[in-house]
Amino acid sequence: MSEQRYNRYEKARILGARALQVSYGAPVLIETDQTEPILVAAEEYDAGALPFTVRRESN
């Protein structure tokens, strides 16, 4: 399976959705010293730990 590349809009949507989950008490998927949900989400994204997928419609 190849690593999927996300454009900036997809990345923003993924980080925002994950930050919202973390702010509502979802377990953090990596070890981090961050306390801000958006920074936690960014670290998880960089570590490749997020289980999000993006469905793209083909024309």
N, C-alpha and C. Protein backbone atom coordinates (compact mmCIF):
# COMPACT_ATOMS: atom_id res chain seq x y z
N MET A 1 0.84 -1.17 0.00
CA MET A 1 0.00 0.00 0.00
C MET A 1 0.89 1.24 0.00
N SER A 2 0.64 2.15 -0.93
CA SER A 2 1.45 3.37 -0.99
C SER A 2 0.87 4.44 -0.08
N GLU A 3 1.73 5.32 0.36
CA GLU A 3 1.31 6.40 1.24
C GLU A 3 0.53 7.42 0.42
N GLN A 4 -0.65 7.81 0.91
CA GLN A 4 -1.48 8.76 0.19
C GLN A 4 -1.03 10.18 0.48
N ARG A 5 -0.96 11.00 -0.56
CA ARG A 5 -0.61 12.40 -0.41
C ARG A 5 -1.90 13.22 -0.33
N TYR A 6 -1.94 14.15 0.60
CA TYR A 6 -3.11 14.99 0.78
C TYR A 6 -2.79 16.42 0.36
N ASN A 7 -3.77 17.10 -0.27
CA ASN A 7 -3.55 18.50 -0.57
C ASN A 7 -3.82 19.32 0.70
N ARG A 8 -3.57 20.61 0.64
CA ARG A 8 -3.64 21.42 1.86
C ARG A 8 -5.04 21.49 2.45
N TYR A 9 -6.08 21.38 1.62
CA TYR A 9 -7.45 21.43 2.12
C TYR A 9 -7.81 20.13 2.83
N GLU A 10 -7.38 19.02 2.28
CA GLU A 10 -7.61 17.73 2.92
C GLU A 10 -6.86 17.65 4.24
N LYS A 11 -5.62 18.13 4.25
CA LYS A 11 -4.83 18.11 5.48
C LYS A 11 -5.49 18.97 6.56
N ALA A 12 -5.97 20.15 6.19
CA ALA A 12 -6.63 21.03 7.15
C ALA A 12 -7.89 20.37 7.71
N ARG A 13 -8.64 19.69 6.87
CA ARG A 13 -9.87 19.02 7.32
C ARG A 13 -9.54 17.87 8.26
N ILE A 14 -8.51 17.10 7.94
CA ILE A 14 -8.10 15.98 8.79
C ILE A 14 -7.62 16.48 10.14
N LEU A 15 -6.75 17.50 10.14
CA LEU A 15 -6.23 18.04 11.40
C LEU A 15 -7.35 18.64 12.24
N GLY A 16 -8.27 19.36 11.61
CA GLY A 16 -9.38 19.95 12.34
C GLY A 16 -10.29 18.91 12.97
N ALA A 17 -10.59 17.87 12.20
CA ALA A 17 -11.45 16.80 12.72
C ALA A 17 -10.78 16.08 13.88
N ARG A 18 -9.50 15.81 13.75
CA ARG A 18 -8.78 15.10 14.82
C ARG A 18 -8.63 15.98 16.06
N ALA A 19 -8.37 17.28 15.87
CA ALA A 19 -8.26 18.20 17.00
C ALA A 19 -9.58 18.26 17.76
N LEU A 20 -10.69 18.24 17.05
CA LEU A 20 -12.01 18.24 17.70
C LEU A 20 -12.19 16.97 18.52
N GLN A 21 -11.80 15.84 17.96
CA GLN A 21 -11.89 14.58 18.70
C GLN A 21 -11.07 14.62 19.97
N VAL A 22 -9.84 15.11 19.87
CA VAL A 22 -8.96 15.18 21.04
C VAL A 22 -9.53 16.14 22.08
N SER A 23 -10.10 17.26 21.64
CA SER A 23 -10.66 18.22 22.58
C SER A 23 -11.86 17.65 23.33
N TYR A 24 -12.55 16.70 22.73
CA TYR A 24 -13.68 16.05 23.39
C TYR A 24 -13.28 14.80 24.17
N GLY A 25 -11.97 14.56 24.31
CA GLY A 25 -11.51 13.49 25.18
C GLY A 25 -11.09 12.20 24.51
N ALA A 26 -10.95 12.19 23.20
CA ALA A 26 -10.49 10.98 22.52
C ALA A 26 -9.05 10.67 22.95
N PRO A 27 -8.69 9.40 23.02
CA PRO A 27 -7.31 9.07 23.41
C PRO A 27 -6.31 9.54 22.37
N VAL A 28 -5.18 10.02 22.85
CA VAL A 28 -4.10 10.48 21.98
C VAL A 28 -3.34 9.24 21.51
N LEU A 29 -3.02 9.20 20.22
CA LEU A 29 -2.45 8.00 19.61
C LEU A 29 -0.93 7.91 19.70
N ILE A 30 -0.28 8.98 20.14
CA ILE A 30 1.18 8.99 20.26
C ILE A 30 1.58 9.60 21.59
N GLU A 31 2.83 9.39 21.95
CA GLU A 31 3.37 10.05 23.14
C GLU A 31 3.76 11.47 22.76
N THR A 32 3.24 12.45 23.49
CA THR A 32 3.55 13.84 23.19
C THR A 32 3.48 14.68 24.46
N ASP A 33 4.20 15.80 24.44
CA ASP A 33 4.16 16.75 25.55
C ASP A 33 3.17 17.88 25.27
N GLN A 34 2.59 17.90 24.09
CA GLN A 34 1.66 18.96 23.71
C GLN A 34 0.36 18.85 24.49
N THR A 35 -0.26 20.01 24.74
CA THR A 35 -1.56 20.02 25.41
C THR A 35 -2.65 20.61 24.54
N GLU A 36 -2.28 21.40 23.53
CA GLU A 36 -3.26 21.98 22.60
C GLU A 36 -3.71 20.91 21.61
N PRO A 37 -5.02 20.71 21.46
CA PRO A 37 -5.52 19.66 20.56
C PRO A 37 -5.01 19.77 19.12
N ILE A 38 -4.89 20.98 18.58
CA ILE A 38 -4.42 21.12 17.20
C ILE A 38 -2.96 20.72 17.07
N LEU A 39 -2.17 20.98 18.10
CA LEU A 39 -0.76 20.59 18.07
C LEU A 39 -0.61 19.08 18.24
N VAL A 40 -1.47 18.49 19.04
CA VAL A 40 -1.48 17.03 19.18
C VAL A 40 -1.84 16.40 17.84
N ALA A 41 -2.88 16.93 17.20
CA ALA A 41 -3.31 16.41 15.90
C ALA A 41 -2.20 16.54 14.87
N ALA A 42 -1.48 17.65 14.88
CA ALA A 42 -0.39 17.85 13.93
C ALA A 42 0.73 16.84 14.15
N GLU A 43 1.06 16.58 15.40
CA GLU A 43 2.10 15.58 15.69
C GLU A 43 1.66 14.19 15.26
N GLU A 44 0.39 13.86 15.50
CA GLU A 44 -0.12 12.56 15.07
C GLU A 44 -0.08 12.45 13.55
N TYR A 45 -0.44 13.52 12.86
CA TYR A 45 -0.40 13.53 11.40
C TYR A 45 1.02 13.30 10.90
N ASP A 46 1.97 14.04 11.48
CA ASP A 46 3.37 13.90 11.07
C ASP A 46 3.91 12.50 11.35
N ALA A 47 3.42 11.86 12.41
CA ALA A 47 3.87 10.52 12.76
C ALA A 47 3.18 9.44 11.92
N GLY A 48 2.16 9.83 11.16
CA GLY A 48 1.43 8.86 10.35
C GLY A 48 0.51 7.98 11.16
N ALA A 49 0.06 8.48 12.31
CA ALA A 49 -0.74 7.66 13.22
C ALA A 49 -2.24 7.85 13.05
N LEU A 50 -2.67 8.72 12.16
CA LEU A 50 -4.10 8.99 12.03
C LEU A 50 -4.77 8.01 11.09
N PRO A 51 -5.89 7.45 11.52
CA PRO A 51 -6.59 6.47 10.70
C PRO A 51 -7.64 7.10 9.77
N PHE A 52 -7.34 8.26 9.20
CA PHE A 52 -8.27 8.92 8.30
C PHE A 52 -7.94 8.54 6.86
N THR A 53 -8.98 8.48 6.03
CA THR A 53 -8.80 8.30 4.59
C THR A 53 -9.61 9.37 3.88
N VAL A 54 -9.22 9.68 2.68
CA VAL A 54 -9.92 10.67 1.88
C VAL A 54 -10.45 9.97 0.63
N ARG A 55 -11.75 10.11 0.44
CA ARG A 55 -12.36 9.55 -0.77
C ARG A 55 -12.43 10.63 -1.83
N ARG A 56 -11.85 10.38 -2.96
CA ARG A 56 -11.89 11.33 -4.07
C ARG A 56 -12.75 10.76 -5.17
N GLU A 57 -13.64 11.60 -5.66
CA GLU A 57 -14.51 11.19 -6.77
C GLU A 57 -13.73 11.33 -8.07
N SER A 58 -13.78 10.33 -8.90
CA SER A 58 -13.12 10.42 -10.20
C SER A 58 -14.14 10.88 -11.24
N ASN A 59 -13.69 11.73 -12.12
CA ASN A 59 -14.62 12.28 -13.13
C ASN A 59 -14.66 11.43 -14.35
